[in-house]
Amino acid sequence: MLRPIEPTERPPAPAYRVPWLIRRDDPAHPVVINQGREAVDFVRVFRDDAAGRERTQLWGQVLPSEDIELCLCAADLNEVVVTIAWFRPSDGLEYVWRFVA
């Protein structure tokens, strides 16, 4: 619902941009890059497929411009969903983002 903006009202904070870029040069080995300006903490990656042996990976802290390669060789690339969860140090909140191969 629309409402008038009061002159004393502060504008909302800008939205947090997801820091991940996925390079898919090799679909079975996508590279996850932290393209954000800050490090992210306690990064975990979950694969949602029945074939994968290593369904959860703990990456810990990922620094800006750091890249990590995922191995999806055993996965059905038409079915696999990858979920990345992390904490942002500046606000302490947990964020979750998903992508498909």
C-alpha atoms as a PDB file:
ATOM      1  CA  MET A   1       0.000   0.000   0.000  1.00  0.00           C
ATOM      2  CA  LEU A   2       1.348   3.410  -0.905  1.00  0.00           C
ATOM      3  CA  ARG A   3       1.811   6.044   1.747  1.00  0.00           C
ATOM      4  CA  PRO A   4       3.323   9.498   1.806  1.00  0.00           C
ATOM      5  CA  ILE A   5       6.983   9.779   2.793  1.00  0.00           C
ATOM      6  CA  GLU A   6       7.584  12.085   5.689  1.00  0.00           C
ATOM      7  CA  PRO A   7      10.397  14.655   5.186  1.00  0.00           C
ATOM      8  CA  THR A   8      12.079  13.513   8.405  1.00  0.00           C
ATOM      9  CA  GLU A   9      11.917   9.840   7.473  1.00  0.00           C
ATOM     10  CA  ARG A  10      15.250   8.165   6.727  1.00  0.00           C
ATOM     11  CA  PRO A  11      15.446   6.208   3.481  1.00  0.00           C
ATOM     12  CA  PRO A  12      15.636   2.426   3.819  1.00  0.00           C
ATOM     13  CA  ALA A  13      19.039   0.765   3.752  1.00  0.00           C
ATOM     14  CA  PRO A  14      20.081  -0.494   0.325  1.00  0.00           C
ATOM     15  CA  ALA A  15      19.474  -4.180  -0.316  1.00  0.00           C
ATOM     16  CA  TYR A  16      22.347  -6.574   0.350  1.00  0.00           C
ATOM     17  CA  ARG A  17      23.678  -7.886  -2.930  1.00  0.00           C
ATOM     18  CA  VAL A  18      24.414 -11.621  -2.996  1.00  0.00           C
ATOM     19  CA  PRO A  19      28.223 -11.814  -3.227  1.00  0.00           C
ATOM     20  CA  TRP A  20      28.443 -14.984  -5.323  1.00  0.00           C
ATOM     21  CA  LEU A  21      29.334 -15.268  -8.985  1.00  0.00           C
ATOM     22  CA  ILE A  22      29.220 -18.706 -10.586  1.00  0.00           C
ATOM     23  CA  ARG A  23      31.600 -19.423 -13.454  1.00  0.00           C
ATOM     24  CA  ARG A  24      30.243 -22.342 -15.481  1.00  0.00           C
ATOM     25  CA  ASP A  25      33.049 -22.961 -17.985  1.00  0.00           C
ATOM     26  CA  ASP A  26      32.857 -26.659 -17.050  1.00  0.00           C
ATOM     27  CA  PRO A  27      29.299 -27.539 -15.937  1.00  0.00           C
ATOM     28  CA  ALA A  28      30.545 -30.454 -13.815  1.00  0.00           C
ATOM     29  CA  HIS A  29      33.023 -28.150 -12.021  1.00  0.00           C
ATOM     30  CA  PRO A  30      31.396 -24.737 -11.445  1.00  0.00           C
ATOM     31  CA  VAL A  31      33.610 -22.177  -9.744  1.00  0.00           C
ATOM     32  CA  VAL A  32      32.040 -20.116  -6.951  1.00  0.00           C
ATOM     33  CA  ILE A  33      33.602 -16.657  -6.574  1.00  0.00           C
ATOM     34  CA  ASN A  34      33.063 -14.193  -3.738  1.00  0.00           C
ATOM     35  CA  GLN A  35      32.742 -11.004  -5.758  1.00  0.00           C
ATOM     36  CA  GLY A  36      31.621  -9.012  -2.723  1.00  0.00           C
ATOM     37  CA  ARG A  37      33.651  -6.362  -0.917  1.00  0.00           C
ATOM     38  CA  GLU A  38      33.719  -8.192   2.387  1.00  0.00           C
ATOM     39  CA  ALA A  39      34.651 -11.641   3.631  1.00  0.00           C
ATOM     40  CA  VAL A  40      31.803 -14.012   4.465  1.00  0.00           C
ATOM     41  CA  ASP A  41      31.949 -16.425   7.396  1.00  0.00           C
ATOM     42  CA  PHE A  42      30.975 -20.025   8.120  1.00  0.00           C
ATOM     43  CA  VAL A  43      30.189 -20.769   4.468  1.00  0.00           C
ATOM     44  CA  ARG A  44      28.486 -24.110   3.874  1.00  0.00           C
ATOM     45  CA  VAL A  45      27.509 -25.671   0.570  1.00  0.00           C
ATOM     46  CA  PHE A  46      24.736 -28.259   0.262  1.00  0.00           C
ATOM     47  CA  ARG A  47      24.019 -30.398  -2.790  1.00  0.00           C
ATOM     48  CA  ASP A  48      20.469 -31.554  -3.311  1.00  0.00           C
ATOM     49  CA  ASP A  49      20.949 -34.733  -5.338  1.00  0.00           C
ATOM     50  CA  ALA A  50      20.837 -38.438  -4.561  1.00  0.00           C
ATOM     51  CA  ALA A  51      24.058 -39.382  -6.361  1.00  0.00           C
ATOM     52  CA  GLY A  52      26.517 -37.124  -4.539  1.00  0.00           C
ATOM     53  CA  ARG A  53      28.663 -38.751  -1.859  1.00  0.00           C
ATOM     54  CA  GLU A  54      29.829 -35.476  -0.356  1.00  0.00           C
ATOM     55  CA  ARG A  55      26.545 -33.642  -0.012  1.00  0.00           C
ATOM     56  CA  THR A  56      27.719 -30.980   2.465  1.00  0.00           C
ATOM     57  CA  GLN A  57      30.959 -29.016   2.329  1.00  0.00           C
ATOM     58  CA  LEU A  58      32.207 -26.644   5.007  1.00  0.00           C
ATOM     59  CA  TRP A  59      34.267 -23.827   3.481  1.00  0.00           C
ATOM     60  CA  GLY A  60      34.658 -21.582   6.520  1.00  0.00           C
ATOM     61  CA  GLN A  61      35.565 -17.998   5.713  1.00  0.00           C
ATOM     62  CA  VAL A  62      35.667 -16.961   2.037  1.00  0.00           C
ATOM     63  CA  LEU A  63      37.572 -13.765   1.293  1.00  0.00           C
ATOM     64  CA  PRO A  64      36.718 -11.214  -1.417  1.00  0.00           C
ATOM     65  CA  SER A  65      37.733 -12.456  -4.907  1.00  0.00           C
ATOM     66  CA  GLU A  66      38.454 -15.941  -3.535  1.00  0.00           C
ATOM     67  CA  ASP A  67      37.202 -18.736  -5.760  1.00  0.00           C
ATOM     68  CA  ILE A  68      36.361 -22.354  -4.940  1.00  0.00           C
ATOM     69  CA  GLU A  69      35.637 -25.131  -7.421  1.00  0.00           C
ATOM     70  CA  LEU A  70      32.764 -27.543  -6.824  1.00  0.00           C
ATOM     71  CA  CYS A  71      32.969 -31.088  -8.138  1.00  0.00           C
ATOM     72  CA  LEU A  72      29.585 -32.214  -9.427  1.00  0.00           C
ATOM     73  CA  CYS A  73      30.943 -35.165 -11.432  1.00  0.00           C
ATOM     74  CA  ALA A  74      28.715 -37.756  -9.752  1.00  0.00           C
ATOM     75  CA  ALA A  75      25.613 -35.563  -9.942  1.00  0.00           C
ATOM     76  CA  ASP A  76      22.920 -35.457 -12.589  1.00  0.00           C
ATOM     77  CA  LEU A  77      23.578 -31.912 -13.841  1.00  0.00           C
ATOM     78  CA  ASN A  78      19.967 -31.574 -14.960  1.00  0.00           C
ATOM     79  CA  GLU A  79      18.729 -32.264 -11.428  1.00  0.00           C
ATOM     80  CA  VAL A  80      21.306 -30.953  -8.952  1.00  0.00           C
ATOM     81  CA  VAL A  81      20.570 -27.855  -6.865  1.00  0.00           C
ATOM     82  CA  VAL A  82      23.415 -26.220  -4.930  1.00  0.00           C
ATOM     83  CA  THR A  83      22.648 -24.162  -1.822  1.00  0.00           C
ATOM     84  CA  ILE A  84      25.194 -21.791  -0.286  1.00  0.00           C
ATOM     85  CA  ALA A  85      24.675 -20.569   3.287  1.00  0.00           C
ATOM     86  CA  TRP A  86      26.876 -17.950   4.983  1.00  0.00           C
ATOM     87  CA  PHE A  87      27.015 -15.328   7.702  1.00  0.00           C
ATOM     88  CA  ARG A  88      27.749 -11.690   6.965  1.00  0.00           C
ATOM     89  CA  PRO A  89      30.109 -10.330   9.646  1.00  0.00           C
ATOM     90  CA  SER A  90      28.724  -6.784   9.521  1.00  0.00           C
ATOM     91  CA  ASP A  91      25.212  -7.773  10.630  1.00  0.00           C
ATOM     92  CA  GLY A  92      25.641 -11.331  11.969  1.00  0.00           C
ATOM     93  CA  LEU A  93      22.701 -12.609   9.916  1.00  0.00           C
ATOM     94  CA  GLU A  94      22.665 -15.884   8.016  1.00  0.00           C
ATOM     95  CA  TYR A  95      21.981 -15.730   4.284  1.00  0.00           C
ATOM     96  CA  VAL A  96      21.070 -18.551   1.899  1.00  0.00           C
ATOM     97  CA  TRP A  97      21.248 -18.624  -1.894  1.00  0.00           C
ATOM     98  CA  ARG A  98      20.619 -21.442  -4.394  1.00  0.00           C
ATOM     99  CA  PHE A  99      21.664 -22.113  -7.966  1.00  0.00           C
ATOM    100  CA  VAL A 100      21.423 -24.901 -10.515  1.00  0.00           C
ATOM    101  CA  ALA A 101      24.222 -26.264 -12.633  1.00  0.00           C
END
